[in-house]
Each structure stands twice: as C-alpha cells, then as structure tokens.
PDB file of N, CA and C in Angstrom:
ATOM      1  N   MET A   1       6.976  11.141 -12.936  1.00  0.00           N
ATOM      2  CA  MET A   1       6.654  11.747 -14.204  1.00  0.00           C
ATOM      3  C   MET A   1       7.831  12.582 -14.719  1.00  0.00           C
ATOM      4  N   ALA A   2       8.479  13.279 -13.802  1.00  0.00           N
ATOM      5  CA  ALA A   2       9.614  14.100 -14.228  1.00  0.00           C
ATOM      6  C   ALA A   2      10.711  13.228 -14.829  1.00  0.00           C
ATOM      7  N   PHE A   3      10.963  12.076 -14.201  1.00  0.00           N
ATOM      8  CA  PHE A   3      11.993  11.173 -14.724  1.00  0.00           C
ATOM      9  C   PHE A   3      11.620  10.692 -16.119  1.00  0.00           C
ATOM     10  N   ARG A   4      10.359  10.313 -16.318  1.00  0.00           N
ATOM     11  CA  ARG A   4       9.945   9.813 -17.638  1.00  0.00           C
ATOM     12  C   ARG A   4      10.069  10.914 -18.687  1.00  0.00           C
ATOM     13  N   PHE A   5       9.781  12.145 -18.305  1.00  0.00           N
ATOM     14  CA  PHE A   5       9.933  13.256 -19.244  1.00  0.00           C
ATOM     15  C   PHE A   5      11.400  13.431 -19.626  1.00  0.00           C
ATOM     16  N   LEU A   6      12.265  13.460 -18.607  1.00  0.00           N
ATOM     17  CA  LEU A   6      13.689  13.665 -18.856  1.00  0.00           C
ATOM     18  C   LEU A   6      14.343  12.496 -19.584  1.00  0.00           C
ATOM     19  N   SER A   7      13.758  11.298 -19.428  1.00  0.00           N
ATOM     20  CA  SER A   7      14.351  10.109 -20.063  1.00  0.00           C
ATOM     21  C   SER A   7      13.611   9.724 -21.340  1.00  0.00           C
ATOM     22  N   ALA A   8      12.876  10.660 -21.927  1.00  0.00           N
ATOM     23  CA  ALA A   8      12.184  10.458 -23.209  1.00  0.00           C
ATOM     24  C   ALA A   8      11.181   9.308 -23.139  1.00  0.00           C
ATOM     25  N   GLY A   9      10.454   9.208 -22.033  1.00  0.00           N
ATOM     26  CA  GLY A   9       9.386   8.219 -21.920  1.00  0.00           C
ATOM     27  C   GLY A   9       9.825   6.861 -21.413  1.00  0.00           C
ATOM     28  N   GLN A  10      11.108   6.661 -21.195  1.00  0.00           N
ATOM     29  CA  GLN A  10      11.564   5.378 -20.684  1.00  0.00           C
ATOM     30  C   GLN A  10      11.294   5.316 -19.187  1.00  0.00           C
ATOM     31  N   HIS A  11      11.104   4.125 -18.678  1.00  0.00           N
ATOM     32  CA  HIS A  11      10.890   3.983 -17.242  1.00  0.00           C
ATOM     33  C   HIS A  11      11.544   2.696 -16.739  1.00  0.00           C
ATOM     34  N   LEU A  12      11.844   2.694 -15.461  1.00  0.00           N
ATOM     35  CA  LEU A  12      12.503   1.545 -14.826  1.00  0.00           C
ATOM     36  C   LEU A  12      11.458   0.525 -14.404  1.00  0.00           C
ATOM     37  N   ASP A  13      11.834  -0.729 -14.416  1.00  0.00           N
ATOM     38  CA  ASP A  13      10.915  -1.737 -13.899  1.00  0.00           C
ATOM     39  C   ASP A  13      11.123  -1.901 -12.396  1.00  0.00           C
ATOM     40  N   HIS A  14      10.226  -2.625 -11.750  1.00  0.00           N
ATOM     41  CA  HIS A  14      10.273  -2.745 -10.292  1.00  0.00           C
ATOM     42  C   HIS A  14      11.531  -3.462  -9.805  1.00  0.00           C
ATOM     43  N   ASP A  15      12.074  -4.383 -10.592  1.00  0.00           N
ATOM     44  CA  ASP A  15      13.301  -5.082 -10.186  1.00  0.00           C
ATOM     45  C   ASP A  15      14.480  -4.114 -10.096  1.00  0.00           C
ATOM     46  N   THR A  16      14.575  -3.207 -11.048  1.00  0.00           N
ATOM     47  CA  THR A  16      15.663  -2.234 -11.054  1.00  0.00           C
ATOM     48  C   THR A  16      15.553  -1.307  -9.855  1.00  0.00           C
ATOM     49  N   ILE A  17      14.332  -0.846  -9.570  1.00  0.00           N
ATOM     50  CA  ILE A  17      14.123   0.048  -8.431  1.00  0.00           C
ATOM     51  C   ILE A  17      14.422  -0.674  -7.121  1.00  0.00           C
ATOM     52  N   ALA A  18      13.966  -1.927  -7.002  1.00  0.00           N
ATOM     53  CA  ALA A  18      14.211  -2.698  -5.782  1.00  0.00           C
ATOM     54  C   ALA A  18      15.705  -2.944  -5.574  1.00  0.00           C
ATOM     55  N   ALA A  19      16.421  -3.244  -6.640  1.00  0.00           N
ATOM     56  CA  ALA A  19      17.864  -3.477  -6.534  1.00  0.00           C
ATOM     57  C   ALA A  19      18.585  -2.189  -6.122  1.00  0.00           C
ATOM     58  N   PHE A  20      18.157  -1.056  -6.668  1.00  0.00           N
ATOM     59  CA  PHE A  20      18.748   0.231  -6.301  1.00  0.00           C
ATOM     60  C   PHE A  20      18.519   0.530  -4.824  1.00  0.00           C
ATOM     61  N   ARG A  21      17.287   0.306  -4.365  1.00  0.00           N
ATOM     62  CA  ARG A  21      16.977   0.552  -2.955  1.00  0.00           C
ATOM     63  C   ARG A  21      17.807  -0.343  -2.042  1.00  0.00           C
ATOM     64  N   LYS A  22      17.973  -1.597  -2.433  1.00  0.00           N
ATOM     65  CA  LYS A  22      18.739  -2.537  -1.616  1.00  0.00           C
ATOM     66  C   LYS A  22      20.222  -2.134  -1.569  1.00  0.00           C
ATOM     67  N   ARG A  23      20.738  -1.746  -2.732  1.00  0.00           N
ATOM     68  CA  ARG A  23      22.160  -1.384  -2.824  1.00  0.00           C
ATOM     69  C   ARG A  23      22.466  -0.105  -2.041  1.00  0.00           C
ATOM     70  N   HIS A  24      21.529   0.837  -1.999  1.00  0.00           N
ATOM     71  CA  HIS A  24      21.771   2.131  -1.361  1.00  0.00           C
ATOM     72  C   HIS A  24      20.899   2.330  -0.120  1.00  0.00           C
ATOM     73  N   PHE A  25      20.580   1.242   0.577  1.00  0.00           N
ATOM     74  CA  PHE A  25      19.648   1.302   1.702  1.00  0.00           C
ATOM     75  C   PHE A  25      20.073   2.299   2.780  1.00  0.00           C
ATOM     76  N   GLU A  26      21.322   2.231   3.204  1.00  0.00           N
ATOM     77  CA  GLU A  26      21.782   3.106   4.296  1.00  0.00           C
ATOM     78  C   GLU A  26      21.703   4.575   3.903  1.00  0.00           C
ATOM     79  N   ALA A  27      22.142   4.901   2.706  1.00  0.00           N
ATOM     80  CA  ALA A  27      22.109   6.299   2.258  1.00  0.00           C
ATOM     81  C   ALA A  27      20.670   6.783   2.125  1.00  0.00           C
ATOM     82  N   LEU A  28      19.799   5.949   1.596  1.00  0.00           N
ATOM     83  CA  LEU A  28      18.398   6.344   1.430  1.00  0.00           C
ATOM     84  C   LEU A  28      17.699   6.485   2.774  1.00  0.00           C
ATOM     85  N   ALA A  29      18.037   5.621   3.733  1.00  0.00           N
ATOM     86  CA  ALA A  29      17.423   5.714   5.059  1.00  0.00           C
ATOM     87  C   ALA A  29      17.802   7.038   5.713  1.00  0.00           C
ATOM     88  N   GLY A  30      19.069   7.409   5.630  1.00  0.00           N
ATOM     89  CA  GLY A  30      19.511   8.681   6.178  1.00  0.00           C
ATOM     90  C   GLY A  30      18.871   9.857   5.460  1.00  0.00           C
ATOM     91  N   LEU A  31      18.747   9.747   4.144  1.00  0.00           N
ATOM     92  CA  LEU A  31      18.123  10.808   3.362  1.00  0.00           C
ATOM     93  C   LEU A  31      16.646  10.964   3.738  1.00  0.00           C
ATOM     94  N   PHE A  32      15.971   9.844   3.949  1.00  0.00           N
ATOM     95  CA  PHE A  32      14.558   9.890   4.327  1.00  0.00           C
ATOM     96  C   PHE A  32      14.373  10.627   5.653  1.00  0.00           C
ATOM     97  N   VAL A  33      15.236  10.334   6.611  1.00  0.00           N
ATOM     98  CA  VAL A  33      15.170  11.019   7.910  1.00  0.00           C
ATOM     99  C   VAL A  33      15.402  12.512   7.724  1.00  0.00           C
ATOM    100  N   GLN A  34      16.387  12.874   6.911  1.00  0.00           N
ATOM    101  CA  GLN A  34      16.663  14.291   6.657  1.00  0.00           C
ATOM    102  C   GLN A  34      15.472  14.987   6.008  1.00  0.00           C
ATOM    103  N   ILE A  35      14.837  14.321   5.068  1.00  0.00           N
ATOM    104  CA  ILE A  35      13.672  14.908   4.396  1.00  0.00           C
ATOM    105  C   ILE A  35      12.532  15.105   5.383  1.00  0.00           C
ATOM    106  N   LEU A  36      12.295  14.123   6.252  1.00  0.00           N
ATOM    107  CA  LEU A  36      11.246  14.274   7.260  1.00  0.00           C
ATOM    108  C   LEU A  36      11.543  15.431   8.207  1.00  0.00           C
ATOM    109  N   GLN A  37      12.803  15.566   8.609  1.00  0.00           N
ATOM    110  CA  GLN A  37      13.180  16.673   9.499  1.00  0.00           C
ATOM    111  C   GLN A  37      12.995  18.015   8.797  1.00  0.00           C
ATOM    112  N   PHE A  38      13.379  18.104   7.544  1.00  0.00           N
ATOM    113  CA  PHE A  38      13.202  19.332   6.773  1.00  0.00           C
ATOM    114  C   PHE A  38      11.712  19.690   6.653  1.00  0.00           C
ATOM    115  N   CYS A  39      10.898  18.691   6.326  1.00  0.00           N
ATOM    116  CA  CYS A  39       9.461  18.932   6.188  1.00  0.00           C
ATOM    117  C   CYS A  39       8.839  19.351   7.520  1.00  0.00           C
ATOM    118  N   GLN A  40       9.321  18.774   8.607  1.00  0.00           N
ATOM    119  CA  GLN A  40       8.807  19.155   9.926  1.00  0.00           C
ATOM    120  C   GLN A  40       9.154  20.609  10.225  1.00  0.00           C
ATOM    121  N   LYS A  41      10.394  21.019   9.964  1.00  0.00           N
ATOM    122  CA  LYS A  41      10.804  22.404  10.207  1.00  0.00           C
ATOM    123  C   LYS A  41      10.021  23.381   9.333  1.00  0.00           C
ATOM    124  N   ALA A  42       9.654  22.938   8.121  1.00  0.00           N
ATOM    125  CA  ALA A  42       8.908  23.788   7.198  1.00  0.00           C
ATOM    126  C   ALA A  42       7.414  23.789   7.514  1.00  0.00           C
ATOM    127  N   GLY A  43       7.010  22.970   8.494  1.00  0.00           N
ATOM    128  CA  GLY A  43       5.601  22.914   8.878  1.00  0.00           C
ATOM    129  C   GLY A  43       4.737  22.102   7.926  1.00  0.00           C
ATOM    130  N   LEU A  44       5.369  21.249   7.130  1.00  0.00           N
ATOM    131  CA  LEU A  44       4.632  20.454   6.158  1.00  0.00           C
ATOM    132  C   LEU A  44       4.078  19.167   6.748  1.00  0.00           C
ATOM    133  N   VAL A  45       4.713  18.649   7.787  1.00  0.00           N
ATOM    134  CA  VAL A  45       4.268  17.404   8.413  1.00  0.00           C
ATOM    135  C   VAL A  45       4.380  17.512   9.922  1.00  0.00           C
ATOM    136  N   LYS A  46       3.603  16.691  10.594  1.00  0.00           N
ATOM    137  CA  LYS A  46       3.740  16.526  12.032  1.00  0.00           C
ATOM    138  C   LYS A  46       4.211  15.094  12.242  1.00  0.00           C
ATOM    139  N   LEU A  47       5.350  14.949  12.864  1.00  0.00           N
ATOM    140  CA  LEU A  47       5.937  13.618  13.011  1.00  0.00           C
ATOM    141  C   LEU A  47       5.335  12.904  14.218  1.00  0.00           C
ATOM    142  N   ARG A  48       4.253  12.221  13.966  1.00  0.00           N
ATOM    143  CA  ARG A  48       3.614  11.424  15.009  1.00  0.00           C
ATOM    144  C   ARG A  48       3.707   9.950  14.649  1.00  0.00           C
ATOM    145  N   HIS A  49       3.035   9.560  13.603  1.00  0.00           N
ATOM    146  CA  HIS A  49       3.037   8.164  13.169  1.00  0.00           C
ATOM    147  C   HIS A  49       3.520   8.102  11.726  1.00  0.00           C
ATOM    148  N   VAL A  50       4.431   7.193  11.473  1.00  0.00           N
ATOM    149  CA  VAL A  50       4.900   6.975  10.116  1.00  0.00           C
ATOM    150  C   VAL A  50       4.597   5.525   9.772  1.00  0.00           C
ATOM    151  N   ALA A  51       3.851   5.317   8.692  1.00  0.00           N
ATOM    152  CA  ALA A  51       3.487   3.962   8.265  1.00  0.00           C
ATOM    153  C   ALA A  51       4.195   3.662   6.946  1.00  0.00           C
ATOM    154  N   ILE A  52       4.566   2.418   6.769  1.00  0.00           N
ATOM    155  CA  ILE A  52       5.218   2.007   5.533  1.00  0.00           C
ATOM    156  C   ILE A  52       4.448   0.846   4.930  1.00  0.00           C
ATOM    157  N   ASP A  53       4.595   0.670   3.644  1.00  0.00           N
ATOM    158  CA  ASP A  53       3.977  -0.467   2.978  1.00  0.00           C
ATOM    159  C   ASP A  53       4.671  -1.752   3.417  1.00  0.00           C
ATOM    160  N   GLY A  54       3.984  -2.851   3.255  1.00  0.00           N
ATOM    161  CA  GLY A  54       4.553  -4.135   3.601  1.00  0.00           C
ATOM    162  C   GLY A  54       4.169  -4.610   4.986  1.00  0.00           C
ATOM    163  N   THR A  55       3.365  -3.825   5.687  1.00  0.00           N
ATOM    164  CA  THR A  55       2.918  -4.232   7.013  1.00  0.00           C
ATOM    165  C   THR A  55       2.001  -5.435   6.886  1.00  0.00           C
ATOM    166  N   LYS A  56       2.239  -6.442   7.689  1.00  0.00           N
ATOM    167  CA  LYS A  56       1.390  -7.631   7.659  1.00  0.00           C
ATOM    168  C   LYS A  56       0.232  -7.425   8.622  1.00  0.00           C
ATOM    169  N   ILE A  57      -0.958  -7.585   8.105  1.00  0.00           N
ATOM    170  CA  ILE A  57      -2.165  -7.389   8.884  1.00  0.00           C
ATOM    171  C   ILE A  57      -2.939  -8.692   8.888  1.00  0.00           C
ATOM    172  N   LYS A  58      -3.387  -9.097  10.053  1.00  0.00           N
ATOM    173  CA  LYS A  58      -4.159 -10.321  10.150  1.00  0.00           C
ATOM    174  C   LYS A  58      -5.461 -10.137   9.371  1.00  0.00           C
ATOM    175  N   ALA A  59      -5.722 -11.049   8.474  1.00  0.00           N
ATOM    176  CA  ALA A  59      -6.917 -10.953   7.630  1.00  0.00           C
ATOM    177  C   ALA A  59      -7.873 -12.093   7.932  1.00  0.00           C
ATOM    178  N   ASN A  60      -9.061 -11.930   7.469  1.00  0.00           N
ATOM    179  CA  ASN A  60     -10.099 -12.926   7.682  1.00  0.00           C
ATOM    180  C   ASN A  60     -10.520 -13.490   6.333  1.00  0.00           C
ATOM    181  N   ALA A  61      -9.559 -14.028   5.591  1.00  0.00           N
ATOM    182  CA  ALA A  61      -9.831 -14.514   4.244  1.00  0.00           C
ATOM    183  C   ALA A  61      -9.500 -15.992   4.101  1.00  0.00           C
ATOM    184  N   SER A  62      -9.661 -16.738   5.175  1.00  0.00           N
ATOM    185  CA  SER A  62      -9.354 -18.165   5.099  1.00  0.00           C
ATOM    186  C   SER A  62     -10.436 -18.887   4.312  1.00  0.00           C
ATOM    187  N   LYS A  63     -10.139 -20.099   3.888  1.00  0.00           N
ATOM    188  CA  LYS A  63     -11.129 -20.848   3.117  1.00  0.00           C
ATOM    189  C   LYS A  63     -12.341 -21.190   3.967  1.00  0.00           C
ATOM    190  N   HIS A  64     -12.194 -21.150   5.284  1.00  0.00           N
ATOM    191  CA  HIS A  64     -13.322 -21.429   6.166  1.00  0.00           C
ATOM    192  C   HIS A  64     -14.237 -20.221   6.301  1.00  0.00           C
ATOM    193  N   LYS A  65     -13.705 -19.030   6.101  1.00  0.00           N
ATOM    194  CA  LYS A  65     -14.497 -17.809   6.219  1.00  0.00           C
ATOM    195  C   LYS A  65     -15.012 -17.323   4.866  1.00  0.00           C
ATOM    196  N   ALA A  66     -14.397 -17.751   3.773  1.00  0.00           N
ATOM    197  CA  ALA A  66     -14.820 -17.324   2.444  1.00  0.00           C
ATOM    198  C   ALA A  66     -16.178 -17.928   2.118  1.00  0.00           C
ATOM    199  N   MET A  67     -16.945 -17.217   1.311  1.00  0.00           N
ATOM    200  CA  MET A  67     -18.303 -17.648   0.993  1.00  0.00           C
ATOM    201  C   MET A  67     -18.318 -18.288  -0.389  1.00  0.00           C
ATOM    202  N   SER A  68     -18.872 -19.490  -0.474  1.00  0.00           N
ATOM    203  CA  SER A  68     -18.992 -20.147  -1.768  1.00  0.00           C
ATOM    204  C   SER A  68     -20.103 -19.468  -2.569  1.00  0.00           C
ATOM    205  N   TYR A  69     -20.108 -19.719  -3.854  1.00  0.00           N
ATOM    206  CA  TYR A  69     -21.137 -19.131  -4.720  1.00  0.00           C
ATOM    207  C   TYR A  69     -22.524 -19.600  -4.286  1.00  0.00           C
ATOM    208  N   GLU A  70     -22.639 -20.874  -3.955  1.00  0.00           N
ATOM    209  CA  GLU A  70     -23.931 -21.423  -3.509  1.00  0.00           C
ATOM    210  C   GLU A  70     -24.385 -20.757  -2.207  1.00  0.00           C
ATOM    211  N   ARG A  71     -23.466 -20.659  -1.255  1.00  0.00           N
ATOM    212  CA  ARG A  71     -23.812 -20.032   0.023  1.00  0.00           C
ATOM    213  C   ARG A  71     -24.135 -18.545  -0.160  1.00  0.00           C
ATOM    214  N   MET A  72     -23.441 -17.892  -1.089  1.00  0.00           N
ATOM    215  CA  MET A  72     -23.719 -16.496  -1.366  1.00  0.00           C
ATOM    216  C   MET A  72     -25.136 -16.325  -1.904  1.00  0.00           C
ATOM    217  N   ASN A  73     -25.555 -17.222  -2.807  1.00  0.00           N
ATOM    218  CA  ASN A  73     -26.921 -17.160  -3.337  1.00  0.00           C
ATOM    219  C   ASN A  73     -27.948 -17.391  -2.236  1.00  0.00           C
ATOM    220  N   GLU A  74     -27.674 -18.343  -1.350  1.00  0.00           N
ATOM    221  CA  GLU A  74     -28.600 -18.614  -0.244  1.00  0.00           C
ATOM    222  C   GLU A  74     -28.707 -17.402   0.685  1.00  0.00           C
ATOM    223  N   THR A  75     -27.570 -16.794   0.984  1.00  0.00           N
ATOM    224  CA  THR A  75     -27.572 -15.620   1.852  1.00  0.00           C
ATOM    225  C   THR A  75     -28.297 -14.451   1.190  1.00  0.00           C
ATOM    226  N   GLU A  76     -28.073 -14.278  -0.094  1.00  0.00           N
ATOM    227  CA  GLU A  76     -28.750 -13.207  -0.826  1.00  0.00           C
ATOM    228  C   GLU A  76     -30.264 -13.410  -0.786  1.00  0.00           C
ATOM    229  N   GLU A  77     -30.700 -14.634  -0.996  1.00  0.00           N
ATOM    230  CA  GLU A  77     -32.145 -14.934  -0.955  1.00  0.00           C
ATOM    231  C   GLU A  77     -32.711 -14.685   0.439  1.00  0.00           C
ATOM    232  N   ARG A  78     -31.975 -15.097   1.464  1.00  0.00           N
ATOM    233  CA  ARG A  78     -32.437 -14.872   2.845  1.00  0.00           C
ATOM    234  C   ARG A  78     -32.556 -13.390   3.145  1.00  0.00           C
ATOM    235  N   LEU A  79     -31.566 -12.624   2.726  1.00  0.00           N
ATOM    236  CA  LEU A  79     -31.596 -11.189   2.955  1.00  0.00           C
ATOM    237  C   LEU A  79     -32.718 -10.523   2.179  1.00  0.00           C
ATOM    238  N   ARG A  80     -32.969 -10.988   0.960  1.00  0.00           N
ATOM    239  CA  ARG A  80     -34.063 -10.438   0.154  1.00  0.00           C
ATOM    240  C   ARG A  80     -35.389 -10.665   0.857  1.00  0.00           C
ATOM    241  N   LYS A  81     -35.594 -11.842   1.436  1.00  0.00           N
ATOM    242  CA  LYS A  81     -36.841 -12.147   2.148  1.00  0.00           C
ATOM    243  C   LYS A  81     -36.976 -11.284   3.396  1.00  0.00           C
ATOM    244  N   GLU A  82     -35.851 -11.040   4.086  1.00  0.00           N
ATOM    245  CA  GLU A  82     -35.888 -10.170   5.269  1.00  0.00           C
ATOM    246  C   GLU A  82     -36.296  -8.749   4.872  1.00  0.00           C
ATOM    247  N   VAL A  83     -35.763  -8.257   3.759  1.00  0.00           N
ATOM    248  CA  VAL A  83     -36.100  -6.908   3.318  1.00  0.00           C
ATOM    249  C   VAL A  83     -37.574  -6.823   2.936  1.00  0.00           C
ATOM    250  N   GLU A  84     -38.082  -7.832   2.240  1.00  0.00           N
ATOM    251  CA  GLU A  84     -39.485  -7.852   1.838  1.00  0.00           C
ATOM    252  C   GLU A  84     -40.408  -7.898   3.059  1.00  0.00           C
ATOM    253  N   ALA A  85     -39.984  -8.632   4.092  1.00  0.00           N
ATOM    254  CA  ALA A  85     -40.809  -8.753   5.305  1.00  0.00           C
ATOM    255  C   ALA A  85     -40.829  -7.425   6.039  1.00  0.00           C
TER     256      ALA A  85
END
C-alpha cells in the first residue's frame, strides 16, 4: 500500500515482481535472513519452522476421487434418508 501511495496509485504486475526477485535472488535471500535475525532479537518471532509458498502437497483431487453431479445427488439423497431415519 505504501508503494502504491508513493507511486500515485500505480502498481507492478506479477511478472515484474518475479523478474526482480529472480535478478536479485542472492541479495534478497541474505536480506531475508537478516530480517529474521533482527525480528528474533527483538522478540517478534521464534525461529522454529519457516514455511514458504509453492510447497507441493499430495492432494486427493483425481478424477477417480472427484464426485460427479449425479453421484453427488445420490449421496445427498442417501444422507437425507439417514438423517430422517
């Protein structure tokens, strides 16, 4: 928000940000470590686990596990009968 205020409402697109991060990866990585160390000394964070976006997690969304509209209606009806019983 501060950047958009200072730049009169203009903002960067994701390609520009990604290219900047790629070009300055080493400097940003070192800066990130320094910021974490500073925050730890200030008592703002406890350095135990650090998670980043982009982690691949095994999902259960295959076409064999997904529910068709017809099967969803059948399951809904079955559950409705169980609740009524």
